[in-house]
Amino acid sequence: MNNEKILKRLKEGNERYLLSKNEIGDISEKIRADTAENGQHPFAVIISCSDSRVIPEAIFSCGVGELFVIRAAGNVVDDSTLGSVEYAAEHLGCKLVVVLGHTCCGAVGAAIAGNADGYVKSITDKIAAAIHSETDPCKASILNIRNTVSCLRTAFAGNDELARTEIVGALYDLESGKVTFLE
């Protein structure tokens, strides 16, 4: 499946999600047994915030084995995230990475407020560097998504396999459930 078809599938999955009351992809006993025996073959990597209201499999109406999901508060990247993307691209054949940020992001809000401490500060410092002086939470979330996309592209620019992996940003609206892919 090429990236255009993958994006189409994700967009159609989000449309089904918007119309349904309780739909998710295939989570059947059969698919669990198949992926246990034959391994996983996800068609996309999703890097999303760890916010409990952001559930990539549900948002895109996907089931077992279809998405390789990496979650971290504020959808920031570190070496573990980069290693996970590298694994998904090189060993599982994923050719599309979606950085999925969202509205009302607590990590972005904490970066705007500038009052985080402890380990959370390592997250908010990365976000603060990405959003600069932006105080509008939605605009800041988009800047943060774009920064993560840029970080991934830069990190993988020297790797021929990963340089061919398409990386796109998207914003999930918590209230409406709609995903908007960023240009």
C-alpha atoms as a PDB file:
ATOM      1  CA  MET A   1       0.000   0.000   0.000  1.00  0.00           C
ATOM      2  CA  ASN A   2       1.487   3.383  -0.957  1.00  0.00           C
ATOM      3  CA  ASN A   3       1.392   6.414   1.330  1.00  0.00           C
ATOM      4  CA  GLU A   4      -1.437   8.069  -0.594  1.00  0.00           C
ATOM      5  CA  LYS A   5      -3.611   4.994  -0.001  1.00  0.00           C
ATOM      6  CA  ILE A   6      -2.511   4.829   3.636  1.00  0.00           C
ATOM      7  CA  LEU A   7      -3.476   8.462   4.231  1.00  0.00           C
ATOM      8  CA  LYS A   8      -6.792   7.820   2.469  1.00  0.00           C
ATOM      9  CA  ARG A   9      -7.410   4.826   4.730  1.00  0.00           C
ATOM     10  CA  LEU A  10      -6.599   6.865   7.858  1.00  0.00           C
ATOM     11  CA  LYS A  11      -8.887   9.691   6.714  1.00  0.00           C
ATOM     12  CA  GLU A  12     -11.715   7.250   5.916  1.00  0.00           C
ATOM     13  CA  GLY A  13     -11.179   5.568   9.282  1.00  0.00           C
ATOM     14  CA  ASN A  14     -11.499   8.930  11.015  1.00  0.00           C
ATOM     15  CA  GLU A  15     -14.717   9.602   9.085  1.00  0.00           C
ATOM     16  CA  ARG A  16     -16.137   6.254  10.299  1.00  0.00           C
ATOM     17  CA  TYR A  17     -15.061   7.167  13.833  1.00  0.00           C
ATOM     18  CA  LEU A  18     -16.902  10.496  13.597  1.00  0.00           C
ATOM     19  CA  LEU A  19     -20.106   8.723  12.518  1.00  0.00           C
ATOM     20  CA  SER A  20     -20.001   5.772  14.884  1.00  0.00           C
ATOM     21  CA  LYS A  21     -20.930   5.379  18.492  1.00  0.00           C
ATOM     22  CA  ASN A  22     -18.664   2.434  19.251  1.00  0.00           C
ATOM     23  CA  GLU A  23     -16.548   1.226  16.337  1.00  0.00           C
ATOM     24  CA  ILE A  24     -12.981   0.056  16.279  1.00  0.00           C
ATOM     25  CA  GLY A  25     -11.065  -2.025  13.788  1.00  0.00           C
ATOM     26  CA  ASP A  26     -10.692  -5.775  13.871  1.00  0.00           C
ATOM     27  CA  ILE A  27      -9.812  -6.934  17.395  1.00  0.00           C
ATOM     28  CA  SER A  28     -11.198 -10.434  16.897  1.00  0.00           C
ATOM     29  CA  GLU A  29      -9.770 -13.687  18.201  1.00  0.00           C
ATOM     30  CA  LYS A  30      -8.880 -14.573  14.604  1.00  0.00           C
ATOM     31  CA  ILE A  31      -6.747 -11.460  14.026  1.00  0.00           C
ATOM     32  CA  ARG A  32      -5.078 -11.824  17.428  1.00  0.00           C
ATOM     33  CA  ALA A  33      -4.159 -15.424  16.607  1.00  0.00           C
ATOM     34  CA  ASP A  34      -2.960 -14.444  13.124  1.00  0.00           C
ATOM     35  CA  THR A  35      -0.697 -11.660  14.376  1.00  0.00           C
ATOM     36  CA  ALA A  36       0.622 -13.883  17.170  1.00  0.00           C
ATOM     37  CA  GLU A  37       1.550 -16.552  14.634  1.00  0.00           C
ATOM     38  CA  ASN A  38       2.591 -14.400  11.663  1.00  0.00           C
ATOM     39  CA  GLY A  39       3.774 -11.204  13.330  1.00  0.00           C
ATOM     40  CA  GLN A  40       2.627  -7.648  13.001  1.00  0.00           C
ATOM     41  CA  HIS A  41       2.387  -5.785   9.703  1.00  0.00           C
ATOM     42  CA  PRO A  42       1.279  -2.248  10.587  1.00  0.00           C
ATOM     43  CA  PHE A  43       0.705   0.098   7.684  1.00  0.00           C
ATOM     44  CA  ALA A  44       1.565   3.315   9.553  1.00  0.00           C
ATOM     45  CA  VAL A  45       3.403   4.658  12.580  1.00  0.00           C
ATOM     46  CA  ILE A  46       1.460   7.065  14.777  1.00  0.00           C
ATOM     47  CA  ILE A  47       3.357   9.221  17.255  1.00  0.00           C
ATOM     48  CA  SER A  48       0.720  10.625  19.566  1.00  0.00           C
ATOM     49  CA  CYS A  49       0.359  12.271  22.916  1.00  0.00           C
ATOM     50  CA  SER A  50      -0.172   9.919  25.833  1.00  0.00           C
ATOM     51  CA  ASP A  51      -3.358  11.825  26.749  1.00  0.00           C
ATOM     52  CA  SER A  52      -6.022   9.243  27.657  1.00  0.00           C
ATOM     53  CA  ARG A  53      -8.534  10.975  25.364  1.00  0.00           C
ATOM     54  CA  VAL A  54      -6.368  10.365  22.287  1.00  0.00           C
ATOM     55  CA  ILE A  55      -6.723   6.740  21.161  1.00  0.00           C
ATOM     56  CA  PRO A  56      -5.145   6.370  17.697  1.00  0.00           C
ATOM     57  CA  GLU A  57      -6.610   2.920  16.982  1.00  0.00           C
ATOM     58  CA  ALA A  58     -10.127   4.208  17.664  1.00  0.00           C
ATOM     59  CA  ILE A  59      -9.579   7.587  15.988  1.00  0.00           C
ATOM     60  CA  PHE A  60      -8.580   5.841  12.745  1.00  0.00           C
ATOM     61  CA  SER A  61     -10.906   2.820  13.169  1.00  0.00           C
ATOM     62  CA  CYS A  62      -7.993   0.383  13.179  1.00  0.00           C
ATOM     63  CA  GLY A  63      -7.567  -2.934  14.907  1.00  0.00           C
ATOM     64  CA  VAL A  64      -4.876  -5.315  16.036  1.00  0.00           C
ATOM     65  CA  GLY A  65      -1.658  -5.104  14.023  1.00  0.00           C
ATOM     66  CA  GLU A  66      -2.647  -2.163  11.810  1.00  0.00           C
ATOM     67  CA  LEU A  67      -0.897   0.750  13.545  1.00  0.00           C
ATOM     68  CA  PHE A  68       2.473   1.006  15.267  1.00  0.00           C
ATOM     69  CA  VAL A  69       1.664   3.525  18.001  1.00  0.00           C
ATOM     70  CA  ILE A  70       4.273   5.428  19.993  1.00  0.00           C
ATOM     71  CA  ARG A  71       2.954   7.641  22.777  1.00  0.00           C
ATOM     72  CA  ALA A  72       4.628  10.366  24.821  1.00  0.00           C
ATOM     73  CA  ALA A  73       3.196  13.431  26.514  1.00  0.00           C
ATOM     74  CA  GLY A  74       3.152  16.304  24.042  1.00  0.00           C
ATOM     75  CA  ASN A  75       4.120  13.909  21.223  1.00  0.00           C
ATOM     76  CA  VAL A  76       7.758  14.865  21.776  1.00  0.00           C
ATOM     77  CA  VAL A  77      10.543  12.666  20.450  1.00  0.00           C
ATOM     78  CA  ASP A  78      13.596  11.269  22.166  1.00  0.00           C
ATOM     79  CA  ASP A  79      16.067   8.517  21.318  1.00  0.00           C
ATOM     80  CA  SER A  80      13.562   5.803  22.304  1.00  0.00           C
ATOM     81  CA  THR A  81      10.976   7.272  19.951  1.00  0.00           C
ATOM     82  CA  LEU A  82      13.526   7.536  17.144  1.00  0.00           C
ATOM     83  CA  GLY A  83      14.549   3.926  17.721  1.00  0.00           C
ATOM     84  CA  SER A  84      10.918   2.818  17.638  1.00  0.00           C
ATOM     85  CA  VAL A  85      10.283   4.644  14.351  1.00  0.00           C
ATOM     86  CA  GLU A  86      13.496   3.221  12.920  1.00  0.00           C
ATOM     87  CA  TYR A  87      12.393  -0.295  13.911  1.00  0.00           C
ATOM     88  CA  ALA A  88       8.919   0.166  12.416  1.00  0.00           C
ATOM     89  CA  ALA A  89      10.342   1.480   9.138  1.00  0.00           C
ATOM     90  CA  GLU A  90      13.259  -0.896   8.711  1.00  0.00           C
ATOM     91  CA  HIS A  91      11.850  -4.117  10.155  1.00  0.00           C
ATOM     92  CA  LEU A  92       8.081  -3.791   9.769  1.00  0.00           C
ATOM     93  CA  GLY A  93       8.022  -1.902   6.459  1.00  0.00           C
ATOM     94  CA  CYS A  94       6.098   1.193   7.601  1.00  0.00           C
ATOM     95  CA  LYS A  95       6.578   3.984   5.075  1.00  0.00           C
ATOM     96  CA  LEU A  96       4.328   6.591   6.699  1.00  0.00           C
ATOM     97  CA  VAL A  97       4.705   8.289  10.083  1.00  0.00           C
ATOM     98  CA  VAL A  98       1.926  10.521  11.417  1.00  0.00           C
ATOM     99  CA  VAL A  99       2.712  12.912  14.274  1.00  0.00           C
ATOM    100  CA  LEU A 100      -0.691  13.263  15.925  1.00  0.00           C
ATOM    101  CA  GLY A 101      -1.045  16.215  18.267  1.00  0.00           C
ATOM    102  CA  HIS A 102      -4.344  17.364  19.710  1.00  0.00           C
ATOM    103  CA  THR A 103      -6.312  20.328  20.981  1.00  0.00           C
ATOM    104  CA  CYS A 104      -6.367  21.088  24.718  1.00  0.00           C
ATOM    105  CA  CYS A 105      -2.991  19.383  25.211  1.00  0.00           C
ATOM    106  CA  GLY A 106      -1.917  19.559  28.839  1.00  0.00           C
ATOM    107  CA  ALA A 107       1.780  19.332  27.973  1.00  0.00           C
ATOM    108  CA  VAL A 108       1.478  22.247  25.545  1.00  0.00           C
ATOM    109  CA  GLY A 109      -0.490  24.198  28.167  1.00  0.00           C
ATOM    110  CA  ALA A 110       2.239  23.528  30.738  1.00  0.00           C
ATOM    111  CA  ALA A 111       4.888  24.708  28.266  1.00  0.00           C
ATOM    112  CA  ILE A 112       2.929  27.925  27.672  1.00  0.00           C
ATOM    113  CA  ALA A 113       2.553  28.465  31.443  1.00  0.00           C
ATOM    114  CA  GLY A 114       6.226  27.688  31.993  1.00  0.00           C
ATOM    115  CA  ASN A 115       5.660  26.268  35.453  1.00  0.00           C
ATOM    116  CA  ALA A 116       6.592  22.595  35.081  1.00  0.00           C
ATOM    117  CA  ASP A 117       9.187  20.927  37.241  1.00  0.00           C
ATOM    118  CA  GLY A 118      10.573  17.443  37.778  1.00  0.00           C
ATOM    119  CA  TYR A 119      10.738  15.106  34.806  1.00  0.00           C
ATOM    120  CA  VAL A 120       7.799  16.890  33.155  1.00  0.00           C
ATOM    121  CA  LYS A 121      10.097  19.861  32.601  1.00  0.00           C
ATOM    122  CA  SER A 122      12.139  17.809  30.101  1.00  0.00           C
ATOM    123  CA  ILE A 123       8.964  17.530  28.023  1.00  0.00           C
ATOM    124  CA  THR A 124       7.778  21.116  28.412  1.00  0.00           C
ATOM    125  CA  ASP A 125      11.256  22.478  27.631  1.00  0.00           C
ATOM    126  CA  LYS A 126      11.159  20.704  24.244  1.00  0.00           C
ATOM    127  CA  ILE A 127       7.679  22.045  23.567  1.00  0.00           C
ATOM    128  CA  ALA A 128       8.612  25.573  24.708  1.00  0.00           C
ATOM    129  CA  ALA A 129      11.534  25.560  22.260  1.00  0.00           C
ATOM    130  CA  ALA A 130       9.121  24.546  19.489  1.00  0.00           C
ATOM    131  CA  ILE A 131       6.382  27.080  20.225  1.00  0.00           C
ATOM    132  CA  HIS A 132       8.597  30.047  21.182  1.00  0.00           C
ATOM    133  CA  SER A 133       6.335  32.820  22.506  1.00  0.00           C
ATOM    134  CA  GLU A 134       3.028  31.457  21.115  1.00  0.00           C
ATOM    135  CA  THR A 135       0.294  31.573  23.753  1.00  0.00           C
ATOM    136  CA  ASP A 136      -2.688  30.364  21.736  1.00  0.00           C
ATOM    137  CA  PRO A 137      -3.004  26.672  22.718  1.00  0.00           C
ATOM    138  CA  CYS A 138      -4.206  25.475  19.304  1.00  0.00           C
ATOM    139  CA  LYS A 139      -1.540  27.386  17.377  1.00  0.00           C
ATOM    140  CA  ALA A 140       1.065  26.171  19.874  1.00  0.00           C
ATOM    141  CA  SER A 141      -0.043  22.551  19.377  1.00  0.00           C
ATOM    142  CA  ILE A 142       0.356  22.929  15.614  1.00  0.00           C
ATOM    143  CA  LEU A 143       3.822  24.474  16.031  1.00  0.00           C
ATOM    144  CA  ASN A 144       4.755  21.574  18.312  1.00  0.00           C
ATOM    145  CA  ILE A 145       3.512  19.008  15.769  1.00  0.00           C
ATOM    146  CA  ARG A 146       5.463  20.697  12.977  1.00  0.00           C
ATOM    147  CA  ASN A 147       8.573  20.769  15.141  1.00  0.00           C
ATOM    148  CA  THR A 148       8.304  17.038  15.851  1.00  0.00           C
ATOM    149  CA  VAL A 149       7.877  16.344  12.125  1.00  0.00           C
ATOM    150  CA  SER A 150      10.994  18.443  11.450  1.00  0.00           C
ATOM    151  CA  CYS A 151      12.978  16.655  14.188  1.00  0.00           C
ATOM    152  CA  LEU A 152      12.091  13.269  12.689  1.00  0.00           C
ATOM    153  CA  ARG A 153      12.998  14.342   9.164  1.00  0.00           C
ATOM    154  CA  THR A 154      16.322  15.745  10.363  1.00  0.00           C
ATOM    155  CA  ALA A 155      17.137  12.661  12.435  1.00  0.00           C
ATOM    156  CA  PHE A 156      16.529  10.311   9.514  1.00  0.00           C
ATOM    157  CA  ALA A 157      17.928  12.431   6.670  1.00  0.00           C
ATOM    158  CA  GLY A 158      21.187  10.471   6.564  1.00  0.00           C
ATOM    159  CA  ASN A 159      19.505   7.046   6.556  1.00  0.00           C
ATOM    160  CA  ASP A 160      18.492   6.034   3.018  1.00  0.00           C
ATOM    161  CA  GLU A 161      15.733   3.672   4.216  1.00  0.00           C
ATOM    162  CA  LEU A 162      14.220   6.198   6.613  1.00  0.00           C
ATOM    163  CA  ALA A 163      14.711   9.207   4.350  1.00  0.00           C
ATOM    164  CA  ARG A 164      12.116   7.583   2.041  1.00  0.00           C
ATOM    165  CA  THR A 165       9.636   7.305   4.910  1.00  0.00           C
ATOM    166  CA  GLU A 166       6.989  10.003   4.633  1.00  0.00           C
ATOM    167  CA  ILE A 167       6.397  11.992   7.820  1.00  0.00           C
ATOM    168  CA  VAL A 168       3.255  14.111   8.193  1.00  0.00           C
ATOM    169  CA  GLY A 169       1.610  16.073  10.971  1.00  0.00           C
ATOM    170  CA  ALA A 170      -2.021  15.968  12.057  1.00  0.00           C
ATOM    171  CA  LEU A 171      -4.169  17.653  14.701  1.00  0.00           C
ATOM    172  CA  TYR A 172      -6.922  15.761  16.515  1.00  0.00           C
ATOM    173  CA  ASP A 173      -9.794  17.875  17.838  1.00  0.00           C
ATOM    174  CA  LEU A 174     -10.793  16.449  21.232  1.00  0.00           C
ATOM    175  CA  GLU A 175     -14.310  17.828  21.055  1.00  0.00           C
ATOM    176  CA  SER A 176     -15.313  16.922  17.498  1.00  0.00           C
ATOM    177  CA  GLY A 177     -13.084  13.869  16.991  1.00  0.00           C
ATOM    178  CA  LYS A 178     -11.920  15.204  13.608  1.00  0.00           C
ATOM    179  CA  VAL A 179      -8.337  14.776  12.452  1.00  0.00           C
ATOM    180  CA  THR A 180      -6.929  17.525  10.256  1.00  0.00           C
ATOM    181  CA  PHE A 181      -3.782  16.610   8.351  1.00  0.00           C
ATOM    182  CA  LEU A 182      -1.388  19.553   8.194  1.00  0.00           C
ATOM    183  CA  GLU A 183       0.171  20.747   4.957  1.00  0.00           C
END
